[in-house]
Amino acid sequence: MSDTDVSEMSFEAAMQELEQVVGKLERGDVALEESIALYERGAKLKKRCEAKLKEAEEKVAAITLDGEGTPTGTTPVDAG
């Protein structure tokens, strides 16, 4: 388990560590106190991954085309 501040982690780093946390919890070979700490860390990592995905989704843009199919610009994707 990393000591890195979750709020500083990239999506990829958070996802990788989350997978490690889940693996340890699924094996069930850790002490109760460590399981609790892993669960808490996992919850923070999950929240970070969700936030980074939402952030990426908001940045996705749809290409607008003119009548001839030529790209004319972008418009934000409707998040609603």
PDB file of N, CA and C in Angstrom:
ATOM      1  N   MET A   1       0.850  -1.174   0.000  1.00  0.00           N
ATOM      2  CA  MET A   1       0.000   0.000   0.000  1.00  0.00           C
ATOM      3  C   MET A   1       0.894   1.235   0.000  1.00  0.00           C
ATOM      4  N   SER A   2       0.590   2.161  -0.853  1.00  0.00           N
ATOM      5  CA  SER A   2       1.388   3.367  -1.024  1.00  0.00           C
ATOM      6  C   SER A   2       1.051   4.400   0.049  1.00  0.00           C
ATOM      7  N   ASP A   3       2.002   5.256   0.351  1.00  0.00           N
ATOM      8  CA  ASP A   3       1.769   6.364   1.272  1.00  0.00           C
ATOM      9  C   ASP A   3       1.415   7.636   0.509  1.00  0.00           C
ATOM     10  N   THR A   4       1.324   7.543  -0.820  1.00  0.00           N
ATOM     11  CA  THR A   4       1.036   8.695  -1.649  1.00  0.00           C
ATOM     12  C   THR A   4      -0.342   9.251  -1.317  1.00  0.00           C
ATOM     13  N   ASP A   5      -0.427  10.578  -1.234  1.00  0.00           N
ATOM     14  CA  ASP A   5      -1.709  11.244  -1.009  1.00  0.00           C
ATOM     15  C   ASP A   5      -2.620  10.939  -2.188  1.00  0.00           C
ATOM     16  N   VAL A   6      -3.777  10.372  -1.917  1.00  0.00           N
ATOM     17  CA  VAL A   6      -4.705   9.953  -2.969  1.00  0.00           C
ATOM     18  C   VAL A   6      -5.088  11.124  -3.868  1.00  0.00           C
ATOM     19  N   SER A   7      -5.231  12.307  -3.303  1.00  0.00           N
ATOM     20  CA  SER A   7      -5.649  13.472  -4.093  1.00  0.00           C
ATOM     21  C   SER A   7      -4.588  13.900  -5.101  1.00  0.00           C
ATOM     22  N   GLU A   8      -3.385  13.385  -4.974  1.00  0.00           N
ATOM     23  CA  GLU A   8      -2.292  13.711  -5.884  1.00  0.00           C
ATOM     24  C   GLU A   8      -2.119  12.662  -6.993  1.00  0.00           C
ATOM     25  N   MET A   9      -2.841  11.560  -6.892  1.00  0.00           N
ATOM     26  CA  MET A   9      -2.622  10.424  -7.784  1.00  0.00           C
ATOM     27  C   MET A   9      -3.330  10.594  -9.127  1.00  0.00           C
ATOM     28  N   SER A  10      -2.691  10.066 -10.166  1.00  0.00           N
ATOM     29  CA  SER A  10      -3.334  10.002 -11.476  1.00  0.00           C
ATOM     30  C   SER A  10      -4.387   8.904 -11.429  1.00  0.00           C
ATOM     31  N   PHE A  11      -5.259   8.901 -12.418  1.00  0.00           N
ATOM     32  CA  PHE A  11      -6.272   7.854 -12.502  1.00  0.00           C
ATOM     33  C   PHE A  11      -5.610   6.481 -12.541  1.00  0.00           C
ATOM     34  N   GLU A  12      -4.589   6.355 -13.384  1.00  0.00           N
ATOM     35  CA  GLU A  12      -3.928   5.058 -13.571  1.00  0.00           C
ATOM     36  C   GLU A  12      -3.290   4.557 -12.274  1.00  0.00           C
ATOM     37  N   ALA A  13      -2.610   5.460 -11.559  1.00  0.00           N
ATOM     38  CA  ALA A  13      -1.961   5.071 -10.302  1.00  0.00           C
ATOM     39  C   ALA A  13      -3.001   4.670  -9.261  1.00  0.00           C
ATOM     40  N   ALA A  14      -4.081   5.442  -9.168  1.00  0.00           N
ATOM     41  CA  ALA A  14      -5.136   5.133  -8.208  1.00  0.00           C
ATOM     42  C   ALA A  14      -5.802   3.804  -8.549  1.00  0.00           C
ATOM     43  N   MET A  15      -6.056   3.555  -9.815  1.00  0.00           N
ATOM     44  CA  MET A  15      -6.694   2.310 -10.229  1.00  0.00           C
ATOM     45  C   MET A  15      -5.786   1.117  -9.940  1.00  0.00           C
ATOM     46  N   GLN A  16      -4.502   1.261 -10.216  1.00  0.00           N
ATOM     47  CA  GLN A  16      -3.556   0.175  -9.973  1.00  0.00           C
ATOM     48  C   GLN A  16      -3.509  -0.165  -8.476  1.00  0.00           C
ATOM     49  N   GLU A  17      -3.427   0.857  -7.655  1.00  0.00           N
ATOM     50  CA  GLU A  17      -3.377   0.594  -6.215  1.00  0.00           C
ATOM     51  C   GLU A  17      -4.704   0.033  -5.719  1.00  0.00           C
ATOM     52  N   LEU A  18      -5.812   0.518  -6.259  1.00  0.00           N
ATOM     53  CA  LEU A  18      -7.128  -0.001  -5.873  1.00  0.00           C
ATOM     54  C   LEU A  18      -7.216  -1.495  -6.182  1.00  0.00           C
ATOM     55  N   GLU A  19      -6.703  -1.900  -7.332  1.00  0.00           N
ATOM     56  CA  GLU A  19      -6.697  -3.321  -7.687  1.00  0.00           C
ATOM     57  C   GLU A  19      -5.876  -4.130  -6.688  1.00  0.00           C
ATOM     58  N   GLN A  20      -4.757  -3.568  -6.225  1.00  0.00           N
ATOM     59  CA  GLN A  20      -3.925  -4.257  -5.237  1.00  0.00           C
ATOM     60  C   GLN A  20      -4.665  -4.382  -3.904  1.00  0.00           C
ATOM     61  N   VAL A  21      -5.341  -3.318  -3.503  1.00  0.00           N
ATOM     62  CA  VAL A  21      -6.097  -3.319  -2.258  1.00  0.00           C
ATOM     63  C   VAL A  21      -7.198  -4.382  -2.316  1.00  0.00           C
ATOM     64  N   VAL A  22      -7.940  -4.395  -3.406  1.00  0.00           N
ATOM     65  CA  VAL A  22      -9.021  -5.369  -3.558  1.00  0.00           C
ATOM     66  C   VAL A  22      -8.461  -6.793  -3.509  1.00  0.00           C
ATOM     67  N   GLY A  23      -7.342  -7.015  -4.174  1.00  0.00           N
ATOM     68  CA  GLY A  23      -6.722  -8.334  -4.162  1.00  0.00           C
ATOM     69  C   GLY A  23      -6.368  -8.794  -2.756  1.00  0.00           C
ATOM     70  N   LYS A  24      -5.787  -7.896  -1.973  1.00  0.00           N
ATOM     71  CA  LYS A  24      -5.427  -8.245  -0.597  1.00  0.00           C
ATOM     72  C   LYS A  24      -6.664  -8.545   0.237  1.00  0.00           C
ATOM     73  N   LEU A  25      -7.695  -7.728   0.071  1.00  0.00           N
ATOM     74  CA  LEU A  25      -8.925  -7.948   0.844  1.00  0.00           C
ATOM     75  C   LEU A  25      -9.613  -9.249   0.432  1.00  0.00           C
ATOM     76  N   GLU A  26      -9.587  -9.563  -0.848  1.00  0.00           N
ATOM     77  CA  GLU A  26     -10.224 -10.794  -1.324  1.00  0.00           C
ATOM     78  C   GLU A  26      -9.506 -12.033  -0.817  1.00  0.00           C
ATOM     79  N   ARG A  27      -8.179 -11.974  -0.704  1.00  0.00           N
ATOM     80  CA  ARG A  27      -7.421 -13.122  -0.195  1.00  0.00           C
ATOM     81  C   ARG A  27      -7.755 -13.386   1.269  1.00  0.00           C
ATOM     82  N   GLY A  28      -8.054 -12.319   2.000  1.00  0.00           N
ATOM     83  CA  GLY A  28      -8.442 -12.472   3.395  1.00  0.00           C
ATOM     84  C   GLY A  28      -7.317 -12.896   4.320  1.00  0.00           C
ATOM     85  N   ASP A  29      -6.095 -12.693   3.911  1.00  0.00           N
ATOM     86  CA  ASP A  29      -4.963 -13.125   4.743  1.00  0.00           C
ATOM     87  C   ASP A  29      -4.298 -11.973   5.476  1.00  0.00           C
ATOM     88  N   VAL A  30      -5.057 -10.926   5.757  1.00  0.00           N
ATOM     89  CA  VAL A  30      -4.518  -9.778   6.493  1.00  0.00           C
ATOM     90  C   VAL A  30      -5.268  -9.643   7.816  1.00  0.00           C
ATOM     91  N   ALA A  31      -4.602  -9.086   8.795  1.00  0.00           N
ATOM     92  CA  ALA A  31      -5.197  -8.882  10.112  1.00  0.00           C
ATOM     93  C   ALA A  31      -6.348  -7.885  10.025  1.00  0.00           C
ATOM     94  N   LEU A  32      -7.209  -7.935  11.005  1.00  0.00           N
ATOM     95  CA  LEU A  32      -8.392  -7.074  11.028  1.00  0.00           C
ATOM     96  C   LEU A  32      -8.039  -5.598  10.902  1.00  0.00           C
ATOM     97  N   GLU A  33      -7.072  -5.136  11.672  1.00  0.00           N
ATOM     98  CA  GLU A  33      -6.684  -3.719  11.628  1.00  0.00           C
ATOM     99  C   GLU A  33      -6.193  -3.333  10.235  1.00  0.00           C
ATOM    100  N   GLU A  34      -5.401  -4.207   9.617  1.00  0.00           N
ATOM    101  CA  GLU A  34      -4.914  -3.923   8.270  1.00  0.00           C
ATOM    102  C   GLU A  34      -6.060  -3.943   7.266  1.00  0.00           C
ATOM    103  N   SER A  35      -7.013  -4.848   7.470  1.00  0.00           N
ATOM    104  CA  SER A  35      -8.178  -4.911   6.589  1.00  0.00           C
ATOM    105  C   SER A  35      -8.970  -3.608   6.631  1.00  0.00           C
ATOM    106  N   ILE A  36      -9.117  -3.076   7.823  1.00  0.00           N
ATOM    107  CA  ILE A  36      -9.845  -1.804   7.979  1.00  0.00           C
ATOM    108  C   ILE A  36      -9.100  -0.681   7.269  1.00  0.00           C
ATOM    109  N   ALA A  37      -7.794  -0.626   7.460  1.00  0.00           N
ATOM    110  CA  ALA A  37      -6.983   0.409   6.807  1.00  0.00           C
ATOM    111  C   ALA A  37      -7.038   0.253   5.287  1.00  0.00           C
ATOM    112  N   LEU A  38      -6.964  -0.994   4.806  1.00  0.00           N
ATOM    113  CA  LEU A  38      -7.054  -1.245   3.362  1.00  0.00           C
ATOM    114  C   LEU A  38      -8.406  -0.809   2.821  1.00  0.00           C
ATOM    115  N   TYR A  39      -9.471  -1.125   3.543  1.00  0.00           N
ATOM    116  CA  TYR A  39     -10.816  -0.748   3.110  1.00  0.00           C
ATOM    117  C   TYR A  39     -10.939   0.770   3.017  1.00  0.00           C
ATOM    118  N   GLU A  40     -10.446   1.470   4.032  1.00  0.00           N
ATOM    119  CA  GLU A  40     -10.505   2.939   4.030  1.00  0.00           C
ATOM    120  C   GLU A  40      -9.699   3.511   2.869  1.00  0.00           C
ATOM    121  N   ARG A  41      -8.511   2.972   2.628  1.00  0.00           N
ATOM    122  CA  ARG A  41      -7.678   3.427   1.510  1.00  0.00           C
ATOM    123  C   ARG A  41      -8.385   3.137   0.187  1.00  0.00           C
ATOM    124  N   GLY A  42      -8.975   1.955   0.086  1.00  0.00           N
ATOM    125  CA  GLY A  42      -9.705   1.580  -1.122  1.00  0.00           C
ATOM    126  C   GLY A  42     -10.859   2.514  -1.413  1.00  0.00           C
ATOM    127  N   ALA A  43     -11.572   2.917  -0.376  1.00  0.00           N
ATOM    128  CA  ALA A  43     -12.693   3.841  -0.560  1.00  0.00           C
ATOM    129  C   ALA A  43     -12.205   5.187  -1.100  1.00  0.00           C
ATOM    130  N   LYS A  44     -11.075   5.663  -0.583  1.00  0.00           N
ATOM    131  CA  LYS A  44     -10.503   6.921  -1.068  1.00  0.00           C
ATOM    132  C   LYS A  44     -10.035   6.789  -2.520  1.00  0.00           C
ATOM    133  N   LEU A  45      -9.412   5.654  -2.835  1.00  0.00           N
ATOM    134  CA  LEU A  45      -8.940   5.418  -4.203  1.00  0.00           C
ATOM    135  C   LEU A  45     -10.112   5.345  -5.178  1.00  0.00           C
ATOM    136  N   LYS A  46     -11.183   4.676  -4.775  1.00  0.00           N
ATOM    137  CA  LYS A  46     -12.380   4.573  -5.617  1.00  0.00           C
ATOM    138  C   LYS A  46     -12.959   5.964  -5.898  1.00  0.00           C
ATOM    139  N   LYS A  47     -13.035   6.778  -4.858  1.00  0.00           N
ATOM    140  CA  LYS A  47     -13.555   8.136  -5.019  1.00  0.00           C
ATOM    141  C   LYS A  47     -12.672   8.945  -5.967  1.00  0.00           C
ATOM    142  N   ARG A  48     -11.358   8.771  -5.857  1.00  0.00           N
ATOM    143  CA  ARG A  48     -10.420   9.487  -6.739  1.00  0.00           C
ATOM    144  C   ARG A  48     -10.616   9.050  -8.190  1.00  0.00           C
ATOM    145  N   CYS A  49     -10.745   7.740  -8.414  1.00  0.00           N
ATOM    146  CA  CYS A  49     -10.956   7.235  -9.771  1.00  0.00           C
ATOM    147  C   CYS A  49     -12.254   7.792 -10.361  1.00  0.00           C
ATOM    148  N   GLU A  50     -13.308   7.800  -9.565  1.00  0.00           N
ATOM    149  CA  GLU A  50     -14.582   8.340 -10.043  1.00  0.00           C
ATOM    150  C   GLU A  50     -14.456   9.815 -10.391  1.00  0.00           C
ATOM    151  N   ALA A  51     -13.750  10.581  -9.565  1.00  0.00           N
ATOM    152  CA  ALA A  51     -13.568  12.009  -9.826  1.00  0.00           C
ATOM    153  C   ALA A  51     -12.768  12.245 -11.107  1.00  0.00           C
ATOM    154  N   LYS A  52     -11.706  11.453 -11.291  1.00  0.00           N
ATOM    155  CA  LYS A  52     -10.884  11.613 -12.495  1.00  0.00           C
ATOM    156  C   LYS A  52     -11.660  11.213 -13.748  1.00  0.00           C
ATOM    157  N   LEU A  53     -12.498  10.192 -13.656  1.00  0.00           N
ATOM    158  CA  LEU A  53     -13.328   9.807 -14.799  1.00  0.00           C
ATOM    159  C   LEU A  53     -14.330  10.904 -15.138  1.00  0.00           C
ATOM    160  N   LYS A  54     -14.939  11.495 -14.112  1.00  0.00           N
ATOM    161  CA  LYS A  54     -15.896  12.577 -14.340  1.00  0.00           C
ATOM    162  C   LYS A  54     -15.195  13.765 -14.986  1.00  0.00           C
ATOM    163  N   GLU A  55     -14.003  14.068 -14.494  1.00  0.00           N
ATOM    164  CA  GLU A  55     -13.212  15.165 -15.048  1.00  0.00           C
ATOM    165  C   GLU A  55     -12.907  14.910 -16.528  1.00  0.00           C
ATOM    166  N   ALA A  56     -12.520  13.699 -16.846  1.00  0.00           N
ATOM    167  CA  ALA A  56     -12.210  13.350 -18.238  1.00  0.00           C
ATOM    168  C   ALA A  56     -13.468  13.427 -19.105  1.00  0.00           C
ATOM    169  N   GLU A  57     -14.574  12.950 -18.564  1.00  0.00           N
ATOM    170  CA  GLU A  57     -15.837  12.982 -19.300  1.00  0.00           C
ATOM    171  C   GLU A  57     -16.228  14.414 -19.652  1.00  0.00           C
ATOM    172  N   GLU A  58     -16.005  15.319 -18.715  1.00  0.00           N
ATOM    173  CA  GLU A  58     -16.351  16.719 -18.936  1.00  0.00           C
ATOM    174  C   GLU A  58     -15.469  17.365 -19.994  1.00  0.00           C
ATOM    175  N   LYS A  59     -14.274  16.806 -20.210  1.00  0.00           N
ATOM    176  CA  LYS A  59     -13.357  17.361 -21.197  1.00  0.00           C
ATOM    177  C   LYS A  59     -13.611  16.824 -22.604  1.00  0.00           C
ATOM    178  N   VAL A  60     -14.351  15.732 -22.672  1.00  0.00           N
ATOM    179  CA  VAL A  60     -14.617  15.136 -23.981  1.00  0.00           C
ATOM    180  C   VAL A  60     -15.475  16.107 -24.787  1.00  0.00           C
ATOM    181  N   ALA A  61     -15.120  16.287 -26.027  1.00  0.00           N
ATOM    182  CA  ALA A  61     -15.883  17.203 -26.876  1.00  0.00           C
ATOM    183  C   ALA A  61     -16.380  16.460 -28.109  1.00  0.00           C
ATOM    184  N   ALA A  62     -17.560  16.848 -28.561  1.00  0.00           N
ATOM    185  CA  ALA A  62     -18.105  16.289 -29.789  1.00  0.00           C
ATOM    186  C   ALA A  62     -17.668  17.180 -30.951  1.00  0.00           C
ATOM    187  N   ILE A  63     -17.232  16.572 -32.016  1.00  0.00           N
ATOM    188  CA  ILE A  63     -16.823  17.329 -33.201  1.00  0.00           C
ATOM    189  C   ILE A  63     -18.077  17.737 -33.971  1.00  0.00           C
ATOM    190  N   THR A  64     -18.160  19.018 -34.284  1.00  0.00           N
ATOM    191  CA  THR A  64     -19.284  19.484 -35.091  1.00  0.00           C
ATOM    192  C   THR A  64     -18.853  19.510 -36.549  1.00  0.00           C
ATOM    193  N   LEU A  65     -19.736  19.076 -37.405  1.00  0.00           N
ATOM    194  CA  LEU A  65     -19.452  19.000 -38.832  1.00  0.00           C
ATOM    195  C   LEU A  65     -20.375  19.931 -39.598  1.00  0.00           C
ATOM    196  N   ASP A  66     -19.873  20.460 -40.711  1.00  0.00           N
ATOM    197  CA  ASP A  66     -20.735  21.258 -41.564  1.00  0.00           C
ATOM    198  C   ASP A  66     -21.497  20.316 -42.495  1.00  0.00           C
ATOM    199  N   GLY A  67     -22.266  20.857 -43.383  1.00  0.00           N
ATOM    200  CA  GLY A  67     -23.087  20.072 -44.300  1.00  0.00           C
ATOM    201  C   GLY A  67     -22.304  19.110 -45.173  1.00  0.00           C
ATOM    202  N   GLU A  68     -21.028  19.367 -45.378  1.00  0.00           N
ATOM    203  CA  GLU A  68     -20.193  18.513 -46.223  1.00  0.00           C
ATOM    204  C   GLU A  68     -19.377  17.518 -45.389  1.00  0.00           C
ATOM    205  N   GLY A  69     -19.598  17.499 -44.092  1.00  0.00           N
ATOM    206  CA  GLY A  69     -18.872  16.568 -43.236  1.00  0.00           C
ATOM    207  C   GLY A  69     -17.508  17.039 -42.797  1.00  0.00           C
ATOM    208  N   THR A  70     -17.201  18.318 -43.008  1.00  0.00           N
ATOM    209  CA  THR A  70     -15.914  18.872 -42.606  1.00  0.00           C
ATOM    210  C   THR A  70     -16.003  19.338 -41.155  1.00  0.00           C
ATOM    211  N   PRO A  71     -15.042  18.969 -40.334  1.00  0.00           N
ATOM    212  CA  PRO A  71     -15.053  19.431 -38.944  1.00  0.00           C
ATOM    213  C   PRO A  71     -14.991  20.958 -38.882  1.00  0.00           C
ATOM    214  N   THR A  72     -15.851  21.534 -38.048  1.00  0.00           N
ATOM    215  CA  THR A  72     -15.870  22.989 -37.905  1.00  0.00           C
ATOM    216  C   THR A  72     -15.516  23.446 -36.495  1.00  0.00           C
ATOM    217  N   GLY A  73     -15.407  22.539 -35.587  1.00  0.00           N
ATOM    218  CA  GLY A  73     -15.082  22.903 -34.208  1.00  0.00           C
ATOM    219  C   GLY A  73     -15.555  21.822 -33.264  1.00  0.00           C
ATOM    220  N   THR A  74     -15.651  22.185 -32.019  1.00  0.00           N
ATOM    221  CA  THR A  74     -16.095  21.225 -31.015  1.00  0.00           C
ATOM    222  C   THR A  74     -17.184  21.847 -30.166  1.00  0.00           C
ATOM    223  N   THR A  75     -17.997  21.002 -29.590  1.00  0.00           N
ATOM    224  CA  THR A  75     -18.990  21.442 -28.619  1.00  0.00           C
ATOM    225  C   THR A  75     -18.875  20.504 -27.423  1.00  0.00           C
ATOM    226  N   PRO A  76     -19.038  21.034 -26.220  1.00  0.00           N
ATOM    227  CA  PRO A  76     -18.945  20.179 -25.046  1.00  0.00           C
ATOM    228  C   PRO A  76     -20.025  19.103 -25.057  1.00  0.00           C
ATOM    229  N   VAL A  77     -19.677  17.950 -24.519  1.00  0.00           N
ATOM    230  CA  VAL A  77     -20.626  16.864 -24.397  1.00  0.00           C
ATOM    231  C   VAL A  77     -21.594  17.228 -23.282  1.00  0.00           C
ATOM    232  N   ASP A  78     -22.866  16.975 -23.487  1.00  0.00           N
ATOM    233  CA  ASP A  78     -23.884  17.242 -22.464  1.00  0.00           C
ATOM    234  C   ASP A  78     -23.740  16.231 -21.354  1.00  0.00           C
ATOM    235  N   ALA A  79     -23.379  16.709 -20.168  1.00  0.00           N
ATOM    236  CA  ALA A  79     -23.165  15.818 -19.028  1.00  0.00           C
ATOM    237  C   ALA A  79     -24.479  15.447 -18.353  1.00  0.00           C
ATOM    238  N   GLY A  80     -25.563  16.033 -18.767  1.00  0.00           N
ATOM    239  CA  GLY A  80     -26.850  15.788 -18.108  1.00  0.00           C
ATOM    240  C   GLY A  80     -27.476  14.593 -18.615  1.00  0.00           C
TER     241      GLY A  80
END
